[in-house]
C-alpha atoms as a PDB file:
ATOM      1  CA  UNK A   1      53.135  74.601 128.618  1.00  0.00           C
ATOM      2  CA  UNK A   2      55.426  71.636 126.681  1.00  0.00           C
ATOM      3  CA  UNK A   3      53.500  68.978 124.113  1.00  0.00           C
ATOM      4  CA  UNK A   4      53.582  65.622 123.771  1.00  0.00           C
ATOM      5  CA  UNK A   5      54.493  64.108 120.556  1.00  0.00           C
ATOM      6  CA  UNK A   6      53.460  60.411 121.745  1.00  0.00           C
ATOM      7  CA  UNK A   7      49.588  61.612 122.217  1.00  0.00           C
ATOM      8  CA  UNK A   8      47.414  61.822 119.159  1.00  0.00           C
ATOM      9  CA  UNK A   9      45.821  64.334 118.638  1.00  0.00           C
ATOM     10  CA  UNK A  10      42.044  62.676 117.013  1.00  0.00           C
ATOM     11  CA  UNK A  11      40.007  66.058 117.025  1.00  0.00           C
ATOM     12  CA  UNK A  12      39.398  67.256 113.091  1.00  0.00           C
ATOM     13  CA  UNK A  13      40.221  71.428 113.013  1.00  0.00           C
ATOM     14  CA  UNK A  14      36.965  73.458 113.161  1.00  0.00           C
ATOM     15  CA  UNK A  15      35.592  74.796 116.175  1.00  0.00           C
ATOM     16  CA  UNK A  16      34.624  71.691 118.571  1.00  0.00           C
ATOM     17  CA  UNK A  17      30.912  71.177 118.772  1.00  0.00           C
ATOM     18  CA  UNK A  18      30.432  72.779 122.336  1.00  0.00           C
ATOM     19  CA  UNK A  19      31.688  75.902 120.704  1.00  0.00           C
ATOM     20  CA  UNK A  20      30.232  77.930 117.508  1.00  0.00           C
ATOM     21  CA  UNK A  21      30.162  75.860 113.936  1.00  0.00           C
ATOM     22  CA  UNK A  22      32.962  74.817 112.359  1.00  0.00           C
ATOM     23  CA  UNK A  23      32.131  76.759 109.351  1.00  0.00           C
ATOM     24  CA  UNK A  24      34.779  78.810 107.648  1.00  0.00           C
ATOM     25  CA  UNK A  25      33.648  82.377 109.229  1.00  0.00           C
ATOM     26  CA  UNK A  26      32.295  84.939 107.646  1.00  0.00           C
ATOM     27  CA  UNK A  27      32.620  89.051 106.677  1.00  0.00           C
ATOM     28  CA  UNK A  28      35.146  90.941 109.139  1.00  0.00           C
ATOM     29  CA  UNK A  29      36.433  87.449 110.170  1.00  0.00           C
ATOM     30  CA  UNK A  30      37.253  85.834 106.537  1.00  0.00           C
ATOM     31  CA  UNK A  31      40.657  88.267 106.968  1.00  0.00           C
ATOM     32  CA  UNK A  32      41.376  86.453 109.873  1.00  0.00           C
ATOM     33  CA  UNK A  33      41.383  82.974 109.367  1.00  0.00           C
ATOM     34  CA  UNK A  34      43.932  80.200 108.640  1.00  0.00           C
ATOM     35  CA  UNK A  35      47.681  80.723 108.860  1.00  0.00           C
ATOM     36  CA  UNK A  36      48.521  83.821 109.511  1.00  0.00           C
ATOM     37  CA  UNK A  37      52.667  84.656 109.194  1.00  0.00           C
ATOM     38  CA  UNK A  38      53.878  87.110 111.308  1.00  0.00           C
ATOM     39  CA  UNK A  39      57.469  88.680 109.209  1.00  0.00           C
ATOM     40  CA  UNK A  40      60.645  90.002 110.861  1.00  0.00           C
ATOM     41  CA  UNK A  41      60.936  93.773 110.205  1.00  0.00           C
ATOM     42  CA  UNK A  42      64.859  93.825 109.200  1.00  0.00           C
ATOM     43  CA  UNK A  43      66.584  97.144 110.665  1.00  0.00           C
ATOM     44  CA  UNK A  44      70.491  97.174 110.061  1.00  0.00           C
ATOM     45  CA  UNK A  45      73.310  99.752 110.686  1.00  0.00           C
ATOM     46  CA  UNK A  46      70.049 101.827 112.753  1.00  0.00           C
ATOM     47  CA  UNK A  47      67.470 102.036 109.581  1.00  0.00           C
ATOM     48  CA  UNK A  48      65.047  99.453 107.840  1.00  0.00           C
ATOM     49  CA  UNK A  49      66.216  97.726 105.626  1.00  0.00           C
ATOM     50  CA  UNK A  50      63.494  97.957 102.487  1.00  0.00           C
ATOM     51  CA  UNK A  51      65.049  95.794 100.408  1.00  0.00           C
ATOM     52  CA  UNK A  52      64.791  92.479 103.120  1.00  0.00           C
ATOM     53  CA  UNK A  53      61.457  93.867 103.906  1.00  0.00           C
ATOM     54  CA  UNK A  54      60.025  93.706 100.712  1.00  0.00           C
ATOM     55  CA  UNK A  55      62.209  90.014 100.142  1.00  0.00           C
ATOM     56  CA  UNK A  56      60.520  88.506 103.115  1.00  0.00           C
ATOM     57  CA  UNK A  57      56.966  89.992 102.154  1.00  0.00           C
ATOM     58  CA  UNK A  58      56.823  88.488  98.201  1.00  0.00           C
ATOM     59  CA  UNK A  59      58.288  85.437  99.895  1.00  0.00           C
ATOM     60  CA  UNK A  60      55.354  85.155 101.971  1.00  0.00           C
ATOM     61  CA  UNK A  61      52.727  85.920  99.392  1.00  0.00           C
ATOM     62  CA  UNK A  62      54.417  83.316  96.807  1.00  0.00           C
ATOM     63  CA  UNK A  63      54.024  81.093  99.631  1.00  0.00           C
ATOM     64  CA  UNK A  64      49.991  81.335  99.539  1.00  0.00           C
ATOM     65  CA  UNK A  65      49.455  82.112 103.494  1.00  0.00           C
ATOM     66  CA  UNK A  66      46.280  83.252 104.504  1.00  0.00           C
ATOM     67  CA  UNK A  67      47.260  86.779 105.332  1.00  0.00           C
ATOM     68  CA  UNK A  68      50.709  88.450 106.508  1.00  0.00           C
ATOM     69  CA  UNK A  69      50.716  90.237 110.326  1.00  0.00           C
ATOM     70  CA  UNK A  70      53.218  93.148 110.032  1.00  0.00           C
ATOM     71  CA  UNK A  71      54.210  94.798 112.691  1.00  0.00           C
ATOM     72  CA  UNK A  72      53.477  92.079 115.337  1.00  0.00           C
ATOM     73  CA  UNK A  73      56.445  91.756 117.889  1.00  0.00           C
ATOM     74  CA  UNK A  74      58.019  89.613 115.584  1.00  0.00           C
ATOM     75  CA  UNK A  75      58.327  93.048 112.956  1.00  0.00           C
ATOM     76  CA  UNK A  76      59.954  94.859 116.714  1.00  0.00           C
ATOM     77  CA  UNK A  77      56.446  97.977 116.226  1.00  0.00           C
ATOM     78  CA  UNK A  78      57.933  98.772 119.312  1.00  0.00           C
ATOM     79  CA  UNK A  79      61.051  99.897 118.313  1.00  0.00           C
ATOM     80  CA  UNK A  80      59.697 101.801 115.320  1.00  0.00           C
ATOM     81  CA  UNK A  81      58.943 105.707 115.426  1.00  0.00           C
ATOM     82  CA  UNK A  82      55.804 106.080 113.761  1.00  0.00           C
ATOM     83  CA  UNK A  83      56.961 107.123 109.934  1.00  0.00           C
ATOM     84  CA  UNK A  84      58.853 104.161 110.467  1.00  0.00           C
ATOM     85  CA  UNK A  85      56.369 102.408 111.253  1.00  0.00           C
ATOM     86  CA  UNK A  86      53.998 103.594 108.343  1.00  0.00           C
ATOM     87  CA  UNK A  87      56.207 103.172 105.776  1.00  0.00           C
ATOM     88  CA  UNK A  88      56.756  99.243 106.102  1.00  0.00           C
ATOM     89  CA  UNK A  89      52.746  99.364 106.950  1.00  0.00           C
ATOM     90  CA  UNK A  90      52.936 100.685 102.938  1.00  0.00           C
ATOM     91  CA  UNK A  91      55.065  98.491 102.005  1.00  0.00           C
ATOM     92  CA  UNK A  92      54.193  95.666 103.164  1.00  0.00           C
ATOM     93  CA  UNK A  93      50.539  96.098 101.821  1.00  0.00           C
ATOM     94  CA  UNK A  94      52.193  97.352  98.012  1.00  0.00           C
ATOM     95  CA  UNK A  95      53.951  93.975  97.780  1.00  0.00           C
ATOM     96  CA  UNK A  96      51.667  91.250  99.561  1.00  0.00           C
ATOM     97  CA  UNK A  97      49.954  90.824  96.551  1.00  0.00           C
ATOM     98  CA  UNK A  98      45.781  89.529  97.220  1.00  0.00           C
ATOM     99  CA  UNK A  99      47.162  88.172 100.592  1.00  0.00           C
ATOM    100  CA  UNK A 100      45.361  90.241 103.002  1.00  0.00           C
ATOM    101  CA  UNK A 101      48.004  92.130 105.027  1.00  0.00           C
ATOM    102  CA  UNK A 102      47.068  92.992 109.295  1.00  0.00           C
ATOM    103  CA  UNK A 103      49.207  95.532 110.376  1.00  0.00           C
ATOM    104  CA  UNK A 104      50.114  95.917 113.698  1.00  0.00           C
ATOM    105  CA  UNK A 105      48.997  99.635 115.466  1.00  0.00           C
ATOM    106  CA  UNK A 106      50.044  99.938 119.365  1.00  0.00           C
ATOM    107  CA  UNK A 107      51.740 102.321 121.148  1.00  0.00           C
ATOM    108  CA  UNK A 108      51.703 103.264 125.141  1.00  0.00           C
ATOM    109  CA  UNK A 109      48.867 106.065 124.486  1.00  0.00           C
ATOM    110  CA  UNK A 110      45.557 105.461 122.347  1.00  0.00           C
ATOM    111  CA  UNK A 111      46.190 108.793 120.642  1.00  0.00           C
ATOM    112  CA  UNK A 112      49.066 107.651 119.117  1.00  0.00           C
ATOM    113  CA  UNK A 113      47.367 104.293 118.843  1.00  0.00           C
ATOM    114  CA  UNK A 114      44.265 106.009 116.998  1.00  0.00           C
ATOM    115  CA  UNK A 115      47.582 107.729 115.025  1.00  0.00           C
ATOM    116  CA  UNK A 116      48.723 104.771 113.712  1.00  0.00           C
ATOM    117  CA  UNK A 117      45.044 102.909 112.942  1.00  0.00           C
ATOM    118  CA  UNK A 118      44.473 105.804 110.314  1.00  0.00           C
ATOM    119  CA  UNK A 119      48.177 105.478 108.664  1.00  0.00           C
ATOM    120  CA  UNK A 120      47.888 101.127 108.333  1.00  0.00           C
ATOM    121  CA  UNK A 121      44.132 102.164 107.219  1.00  0.00           C
ATOM    122  CA  UNK A 122      44.930 104.864 104.803  1.00  0.00           C
ATOM    123  CA  UNK A 123      47.270 102.861 103.694  1.00  0.00           C
ATOM    124  CA  UNK A 124      44.578  99.438 102.657  1.00  0.00           C
ATOM    125  CA  UNK A 125      45.704  97.379 105.449  1.00  0.00           C
ATOM    126  CA  UNK A 126      42.833  94.810 105.442  1.00  0.00           C
ATOM    127  CA  UNK A 127      42.802  94.503 109.546  1.00  0.00           C
ATOM    128  CA  UNK A 128      44.930  96.123 112.028  1.00  0.00           C
ATOM    129  CA  UNK A 129      46.540  94.350 115.246  1.00  0.00           C
ATOM    130  CA  UNK A 130      46.285  95.520 118.471  1.00  0.00           C
ATOM    131  CA  UNK A 131      48.084  94.919 122.678  1.00  0.00           C
ATOM    132  CA  UNK A 132      47.787  96.574 125.545  1.00  0.00           C
ATOM    133  CA  UNK A 133      50.815  98.476 125.374  1.00  0.00           C
ATOM    134  CA  UNK A 134      52.097  99.043 129.355  1.00  0.00           C
ATOM    135  CA  UNK A 135      54.290 101.248 130.691  1.00  0.00           C
ATOM    136  CA  UNK A 136      52.726 101.384 134.135  1.00  0.00           C
ATOM    137  CA  UNK A 137      50.857  98.801 135.439  1.00  0.00           C
ATOM    138  CA  UNK A 138      47.009  98.724 133.033  1.00  0.00           C
ATOM    139  CA  UNK A 139      43.161  97.541 134.627  1.00  0.00           C
ATOM    140  CA  UNK A 140      41.357  96.324 133.039  1.00  0.00           C
ATOM    141  CA  UNK A 141      38.713  99.170 133.103  1.00  0.00           C
ATOM    142  CA  UNK A 142      42.069 100.663 130.972  1.00  0.00           C
ATOM    143  CA  UNK A 143      42.624  98.133 128.707  1.00  0.00           C
ATOM    144  CA  UNK A 144      38.761  97.545 127.690  1.00  0.00           C
ATOM    145  CA  UNK A 145      38.670 101.722 127.577  1.00  0.00           C
ATOM    146  CA  UNK A 146      41.442 101.224 124.682  1.00  0.00           C
ATOM    147  CA  UNK A 147      39.696  98.983 123.184  1.00  0.00           C
ATOM    148  CA  UNK A 148      35.994 101.010 122.308  1.00  0.00           C
ATOM    149  CA  UNK A 149      38.041 104.055 122.007  1.00  0.00           C
ATOM    150  CA  UNK A 150      39.939 102.681 119.166  1.00  0.00           C
ATOM    151  CA  UNK A 151      37.506 100.580 117.354  1.00  0.00           C
ATOM    152  CA  UNK A 152      35.162 103.506 117.357  1.00  0.00           C
ATOM    153  CA  UNK A 153      36.909 104.999 115.015  1.00  0.00           C
ATOM    154  CA  UNK A 154      37.903 101.907 113.193  1.00  0.00           C
ATOM    155  CA  UNK A 155      36.591 101.043 109.595  1.00  0.00           C
ATOM    156  CA  UNK A 156      38.058  97.615 108.938  1.00  0.00           C
ATOM    157  CA  UNK A 157      38.712  94.215 111.017  1.00  0.00           C
ATOM    158  CA  UNK A 158      41.131  94.135 114.707  1.00  0.00           C
ATOM    159  CA  UNK A 159      43.088  91.679 115.910  1.00  0.00           C
ATOM    160  CA  UNK A 160      43.044  92.053 119.775  1.00  0.00           C
ATOM    161  CA  UNK A 161      46.490  90.960 120.776  1.00  0.00           C
ATOM    162  CA  UNK A 162      47.066  88.659 123.639  1.00  0.00           C
ATOM    163  CA  UNK A 163      50.372  88.496 125.194  1.00  0.00           C
ATOM    164  CA  UNK A 164      51.052  88.375 128.653  1.00  0.00           C
ATOM    165  CA  UNK A 165      54.739  87.723 127.714  1.00  0.00           C
ATOM    166  CA  UNK A 166      55.480  91.416 126.306  1.00  0.00           C
ATOM    167  CA  UNK A 167      52.571  93.598 127.016  1.00  0.00           C
ATOM    168  CA  UNK A 168      52.269  91.999 131.604  1.00  0.00           C
ATOM    169  CA  UNK A 169      48.479  92.592 130.716  1.00  0.00           C
ATOM    170  CA  UNK A 170      46.654  89.160 131.978  1.00  0.00           C
ATOM    171  CA  UNK A 171      43.205  89.078 130.147  1.00  0.00           C
ATOM    172  CA  UNK A 172      40.407  87.081 131.631  1.00  0.00           C
ATOM    173  CA  UNK A 173      38.325  85.655 130.589  1.00  0.00           C
ATOM    174  CA  UNK A 174      35.321  88.627 131.540  1.00  0.00           C
ATOM    175  CA  UNK A 175      37.342  90.700 129.460  1.00  0.00           C
ATOM    176  CA  UNK A 176      37.642  88.655 126.094  1.00  0.00           C
ATOM    177  CA  UNK A 177      33.654  88.514 126.319  1.00  0.00           C
ATOM    178  CA  UNK A 178      33.372  92.274 127.130  1.00  0.00           C
ATOM    179  CA  UNK A 179      35.436  93.878 124.195  1.00  0.00           C
ATOM    180  CA  UNK A 180      34.971  91.125 121.688  1.00  0.00           C
ATOM    181  CA  UNK A 181      31.680  92.997 121.753  1.00  0.00           C
ATOM    182  CA  UNK A 182      32.924  96.061 120.574  1.00  0.00           C
ATOM    183  CA  UNK A 183      32.662  96.934 116.857  1.00  0.00           C
ATOM    184  CA  UNK A 184      35.328  95.802 114.370  1.00  0.00           C
ATOM    185  CA  UNK A 185      36.366  93.081 116.703  1.00  0.00           C
ATOM    186  CA  UNK A 186      36.890  90.078 114.716  1.00  0.00           C
ATOM    187  CA  UNK A 187      39.957  88.209 116.219  1.00  0.00           C
ATOM    188  CA  UNK A 188      41.584  86.860 119.339  1.00  0.00           C
ATOM    189  CA  UNK A 189      45.085  85.889 119.290  1.00  0.00           C
ATOM    190  CA  UNK A 190      45.624  83.918 122.003  1.00  0.00           C
ATOM    191  CA  UNK A 191      48.368  82.818 123.861  1.00  0.00           C
ATOM    192  CA  UNK A 192      48.987  78.770 122.912  1.00  0.00           C
ATOM    193  CA  UNK A 193      46.644  76.366 124.406  1.00  0.00           C
ATOM    194  CA  UNK A 194      46.966  73.198 126.601  1.00  0.00           C
ATOM    195  CA  UNK A 195      49.506  70.556 126.631  1.00  0.00           C
ATOM    196  CA  UNK A 196      46.490  68.144 126.835  1.00  0.00           C
ATOM    197  CA  UNK A 197      44.514  67.838 123.274  1.00  0.00           C
ATOM    198  CA  UNK A 198      41.474  67.393 125.273  1.00  0.00           C
ATOM    199  CA  UNK A 199      42.044  70.483 127.385  1.00  0.00           C
ATOM    200  CA  UNK A 200      42.643  72.338 125.051  1.00  0.00           C
ATOM    201  CA  UNK A 201      39.414  71.217 122.822  1.00  0.00           C
ATOM    202  CA  UNK A 202      37.664  72.737 126.458  1.00  0.00           C
ATOM    203  CA  UNK A 203      39.552  75.518 126.734  1.00  0.00           C
ATOM    204  CA  UNK A 204      38.689  76.053 123.609  1.00  0.00           C
ATOM    205  CA  UNK A 205      35.101  75.526 123.433  1.00  0.00           C
ATOM    206  CA  UNK A 206      35.067  77.475 126.006  1.00  0.00           C
ATOM    207  CA  UNK A 207      36.363  80.501 124.931  1.00  0.00           C
ATOM    208  CA  UNK A 208      34.628  80.282 121.977  1.00  0.00           C
ATOM    209  CA  UNK A 209      30.658  79.400 123.636  1.00  0.00           C
ATOM    210  CA  UNK A 210      31.934  83.802 125.002  1.00  0.00           C
ATOM    211  CA  UNK A 211      32.710  84.787 122.145  1.00  0.00           C
ATOM    212  CA  UNK A 212      30.310  86.298 119.060  1.00  0.00           C
ATOM    213  CA  UNK A 213      29.778  83.850 116.341  1.00  0.00           C
ATOM    214  CA  UNK A 214      31.423  86.473 113.436  1.00  0.00           C
ATOM    215  CA  UNK A 215      34.745  86.526 115.710  1.00  0.00           C
ATOM    216  CA  UNK A 216      37.488  83.606 115.959  1.00  0.00           C
ATOM    217  CA  UNK A 217      39.992  82.390 117.645  1.00  0.00           C
ATOM    218  CA  UNK A 218      43.158  82.212 116.841  1.00  0.00           C
ATOM    219  CA  UNK A 219      46.570  80.316 118.410  1.00  0.00           C
ATOM    220  CA  UNK A 220      49.960  81.793 118.927  1.00  0.00           C
ATOM    221  CA  UNK A 221      53.055  79.744 120.404  1.00  0.00           C
ATOM    222  CA  UNK A 222      54.193  78.111 117.266  1.00  0.00           C
ATOM    223  CA  UNK A 223      54.693  74.789 119.225  1.00  0.00           C
ATOM    224  CA  UNK A 224      51.513  75.156 119.952  1.00  0.00           C
ATOM    225  CA  UNK A 225      50.137  75.051 116.060  1.00  0.00           C
ATOM    226  CA  UNK A 226      48.801  72.004 115.494  1.00  0.00           C
ATOM    227  CA  UNK A 227      47.751  71.790 118.443  1.00  0.00           C
ATOM    228  CA  UNK A 228      45.386  74.887 118.643  1.00  0.00           C
ATOM    229  CA  UNK A 229      43.982  74.467 114.785  1.00  0.00           C
ATOM    230  CA  UNK A 230      42.913  70.535 116.127  1.00  0.00           C
ATOM    231  CA  UNK A 231      41.212  71.789 118.856  1.00  0.00           C
ATOM    232  CA  UNK A 232      38.731  74.219 117.304  1.00  0.00           C
ATOM    233  CA  UNK A 233      40.785  78.155 116.731  1.00  0.00           C
ATOM    234  CA  UNK A 234      40.249  79.789 113.235  1.00  0.00           C
ATOM    235  CA  UNK A 235      43.120  80.342 112.882  1.00  0.00           C
ATOM    236  CA  UNK A 236      47.375  80.141 113.442  1.00  0.00           C
ATOM    237  CA  UNK A 237      48.973  83.774 113.815  1.00  0.00           C
ATOM    238  CA  UNK A 238      52.968  82.277 113.459  1.00  0.00           C
ATOM    239  CA  UNK A 239      56.638  83.747 113.927  1.00  0.00           C
ATOM    240  CA  UNK A 240      58.012  80.994 111.417  1.00  0.00           C
ATOM    241  CA  UNK A 241      55.728  80.998 109.262  1.00  0.00           C
ATOM    242  CA  UNK A 242      57.248  84.308 108.637  1.00  0.00           C
ATOM    243  CA  UNK A 243      60.410  82.773 107.485  1.00  0.00           C
ATOM    244  CA  UNK A 244      60.034  79.665 106.995  1.00  0.00           C
ATOM    245  CA  UNK A 245      55.648  79.724 105.221  1.00  0.00           C
ATOM    246  CA  UNK A 246      55.924  76.281 103.020  1.00  0.00           C
ATOM    247  CA  UNK A 247      56.744  74.686 106.222  1.00  0.00           C
ATOM    248  CA  UNK A 248      54.606  75.907 108.053  1.00  0.00           C
ATOM    249  CA  UNK A 249      51.566  75.751 105.494  1.00  0.00           C
ATOM    250  CA  UNK A 250      52.099  71.829 105.423  1.00  0.00           C
ATOM    251  CA  UNK A 251      51.179  72.155 108.749  1.00  0.00           C
ATOM    252  CA  UNK A 252      48.101  73.951 108.969  1.00  0.00           C
ATOM    253  CA  UNK A 253      47.126  72.943 105.449  1.00  0.00           C
ATOM    254  CA  UNK A 254      47.057  69.063 107.289  1.00  0.00           C
ATOM    255  CA  UNK A 255      45.177  70.880 110.405  1.00  0.00           C
ATOM    256  CA  UNK A 256      42.403  72.284 108.552  1.00  0.00           C
ATOM    257  CA  UNK A 257      42.058  68.720 106.549  1.00  0.00           C
ATOM    258  CA  UNK A 258      41.849  67.277 110.353  1.00  0.00           C
ATOM    259  CA  UNK A 259      44.965  65.158 109.723  1.00  0.00           C
ATOM    260  CA  UNK A 260      45.825  65.172 113.379  1.00  0.00           C
ATOM    261  CA  UNK A 261      48.998  62.901 112.440  1.00  0.00           C
ATOM    262  CA  UNK A 262      50.115  64.218 110.164  1.00  0.00           C
ATOM    263  CA  UNK A 263      49.710  67.556 111.540  1.00  0.00           C
ATOM    264  CA  UNK A 264      51.414  66.630 114.505  1.00  0.00           C
ATOM    265  CA  UNK A 265      54.798  64.707 112.704  1.00  0.00           C
ATOM    266  CA  UNK A 266      55.339  67.583 110.491  1.00  0.00           C
ATOM    267  CA  UNK A 267      55.720  70.066 113.567  1.00  0.00           C
ATOM    268  CA  UNK A 268      57.599  67.478 115.066  1.00  0.00           C
ATOM    269  CA  UNK A 269      59.756  68.028 112.075  1.00  0.00           C
ATOM    270  CA  UNK A 270      60.633  71.855 113.430  1.00  0.00           C
ATOM    271  CA  UNK A 271      61.281  70.659 116.937  1.00  0.00           C
ATOM    272  CA  UNK A 272      64.937  72.241 116.583  1.00  0.00           C
ATOM    273  CA  UNK A 273      63.148  74.734 116.171  1.00  0.00           C
ATOM    274  CA  UNK A 274      60.830  75.429 118.999  1.00  0.00           C
ATOM    275  CA  UNK A 275      63.844  74.455 121.284  1.00  0.00           C
ATOM    276  CA  UNK A 276      65.820  77.272 119.646  1.00  0.00           C
ATOM    277  CA  UNK A 277      62.387  79.554 120.309  1.00  0.00           C
ATOM    278  CA  UNK A 278      62.687  77.867 123.982  1.00  0.00           C
ATOM    279  CA  UNK A 279      65.741  79.412 124.974  1.00  0.00           C
ATOM    280  CA  UNK A 280      66.330  82.172 123.005  1.00  0.00           C
ATOM    281  CA  UNK A 281      63.520  83.671 122.269  1.00  0.00           C
ATOM    282  CA  UNK A 282      61.132  83.232 119.063  1.00  0.00           C
ATOM    283  CA  UNK A 283      62.083  87.290 117.570  1.00  0.00           C
ATOM    284  CA  UNK A 284      65.984  86.489 118.064  1.00  0.00           C
ATOM    285  CA  UNK A 285      65.700  82.996 116.536  1.00  0.00           C
ATOM    286  CA  UNK A 286      63.286  84.085 113.175  1.00  0.00           C
ATOM    287  CA  UNK A 287      65.932  86.766 113.120  1.00  0.00           C
ATOM    288  CA  UNK A 288      68.972  84.578 112.731  1.00  0.00           C
ATOM    289  CA  UNK A 289      67.150  82.417 110.558  1.00  0.00           C
ATOM    290  CA  UNK A 290      66.469  85.767 108.176  1.00  0.00           C
ATOM    291  CA  UNK A 291      69.867  86.197 108.264  1.00  0.00           C
ATOM    292  CA  UNK A 292      70.764  82.182 107.437  1.00  0.00           C
ATOM    293  CA  UNK A 293      68.887  82.291 104.493  1.00  0.00           C
ATOM    294  CA  UNK A 294      70.049  85.605 103.295  1.00  0.00           C
ATOM    295  CA  UNK A 295      66.826  87.306 103.446  1.00  0.00           C
ATOM    296  CA  UNK A 296      68.155  89.774 105.766  1.00  0.00           C
ATOM    297  CA  UNK A 297      71.917  91.190 106.921  1.00  0.00           C
ATOM    298  CA  UNK A 298      73.210  90.487 109.781  1.00  0.00           C
ATOM    299  CA  UNK A 299      72.268  92.062 112.276  1.00  0.00           C
ATOM    300  CA  UNK A 300      68.434  92.462 111.884  1.00  0.00           C
ATOM    301  CA  UNK A 301      67.163  93.669 115.431  1.00  0.00           C
ATOM    302  CA  UNK A 302      67.172  96.831 116.686  1.00  0.00           C
ATOM    303  CA  UNK A 303      69.197  98.322 119.259  1.00  0.00           C
ATOM    304  CA  UNK A 304      69.292  97.334 122.265  1.00  0.00           C
ATOM    305  CA  UNK A 305      68.119  94.309 121.514  1.00  0.00           C
ATOM    306  CA  UNK A 306      70.865  92.544 119.809  1.00  0.00           C
ATOM    307  CA  UNK A 307      71.300  88.991 117.981  1.00  0.00           C
ATOM    308  CA  UNK A 308      72.694  85.944 119.284  1.00  0.00           C
ATOM    309  CA  UNK A 309      76.390  85.259 119.265  1.00  0.00           C
ATOM    310  CA  UNK A 310      77.750  83.387 116.475  1.00  0.00           C
ATOM    311  CA  UNK A 311      77.815  79.655 118.392  1.00  0.00           C
ATOM    312  CA  UNK A 312      73.929  80.356 119.277  1.00  0.00           C
ATOM    313  CA  UNK A 313      73.669  80.998 115.051  1.00  0.00           C
ATOM    314  CA  UNK A 314      75.326  78.225 114.031  1.00  0.00           C
ATOM    315  CA  UNK A 315      73.073  76.365 116.090  1.00  0.00           C
ATOM    316  CA  UNK A 316      70.379  77.636 114.077  1.00  0.00           C
ATOM    317  CA  UNK A 317      72.375  77.227 111.118  1.00  0.00           C
ATOM    318  CA  UNK A 318      72.805  72.956 112.023  1.00  0.00           C
ATOM    319  CA  UNK A 319      68.723  73.092 112.739  1.00  0.00           C
ATOM    320  CA  UNK A 320      67.880  74.134 109.904  1.00  0.00           C
ATOM    321  CA  UNK A 321      70.550  72.432 108.013  1.00  0.00           C
ATOM    322  CA  UNK A 322      68.597  69.069 109.728  1.00  0.00           C
ATOM    323  CA  UNK A 323      65.503  70.743 108.295  1.00  0.00           C
ATOM    324  CA  UNK A 324      66.779  70.547 104.097  1.00  0.00           C
ATOM    325  CA  UNK A 325      66.729  73.693 104.795  1.00  0.00           C
ATOM    326  CA  UNK A 326      69.373  76.317 102.954  1.00  0.00           C
ATOM    327  CA  UNK A 327      70.566  79.360 102.191  1.00  0.00           C
END
């Protein structure tokens, strides 16, 4: 899907009339609304760069994001041991100040997910994020059973992570509705919205009608962040907010205020970054930005994942220069 910058997004932010009320979510859903920043977990010389983790988390807390999503895909959770994940979770929570931290708990086996959930809750996580990781293909019953088993043991809100690009799990609307009925399910992180504004609003209204009133919808895919919020999503789960929080917050606040023109204008300013995401993948570009801004040492990704080449890294630096973002 691609955005059409020439098409204004005229509808105000918040749920469309066909969905649920546009009031701020109450209870567990309050943890999963607004701008949620998903930071990198820098890894250098095969080890977590704890100083860089703290530096990035404190930067996000100072920027006033609404929540921090530690150990998401950008946080390389799938490449870390349980002990490493527990350590990153504690660092994030200790240095986030008053900003709620949502901790990723995805793993291939349910028993390991439950162990990670316990670690996150013990560390003081405000919520957890769970994608159905796969090696063998999972059936819809397998996916539902995962969330059923995990939510039965939870005491904090859970964000359902629909990320077919990495998990190869296709969530149907029926599966959304079934999982949403489970205890502690507070939000769905959805993979983008249609490029056409009317179609986007219709899709969000359709999903909203399937879910309980206290379950939020959050857009991901950063090029669609403004469009998602303007179409009625409650949250924006953002990779770029984890590394450029001020620029991303400006988009989110304009969209939340219903200023479609300003939200789209500010999103268009980041088009060079969206283009780099499309060309090289958001993880590699986010790592390159962190390295360029001297937030993390280069390289900062877990092997076998390699960062951008020198030439590609120079493309990122050039894009940041156009934004006026300097180390």
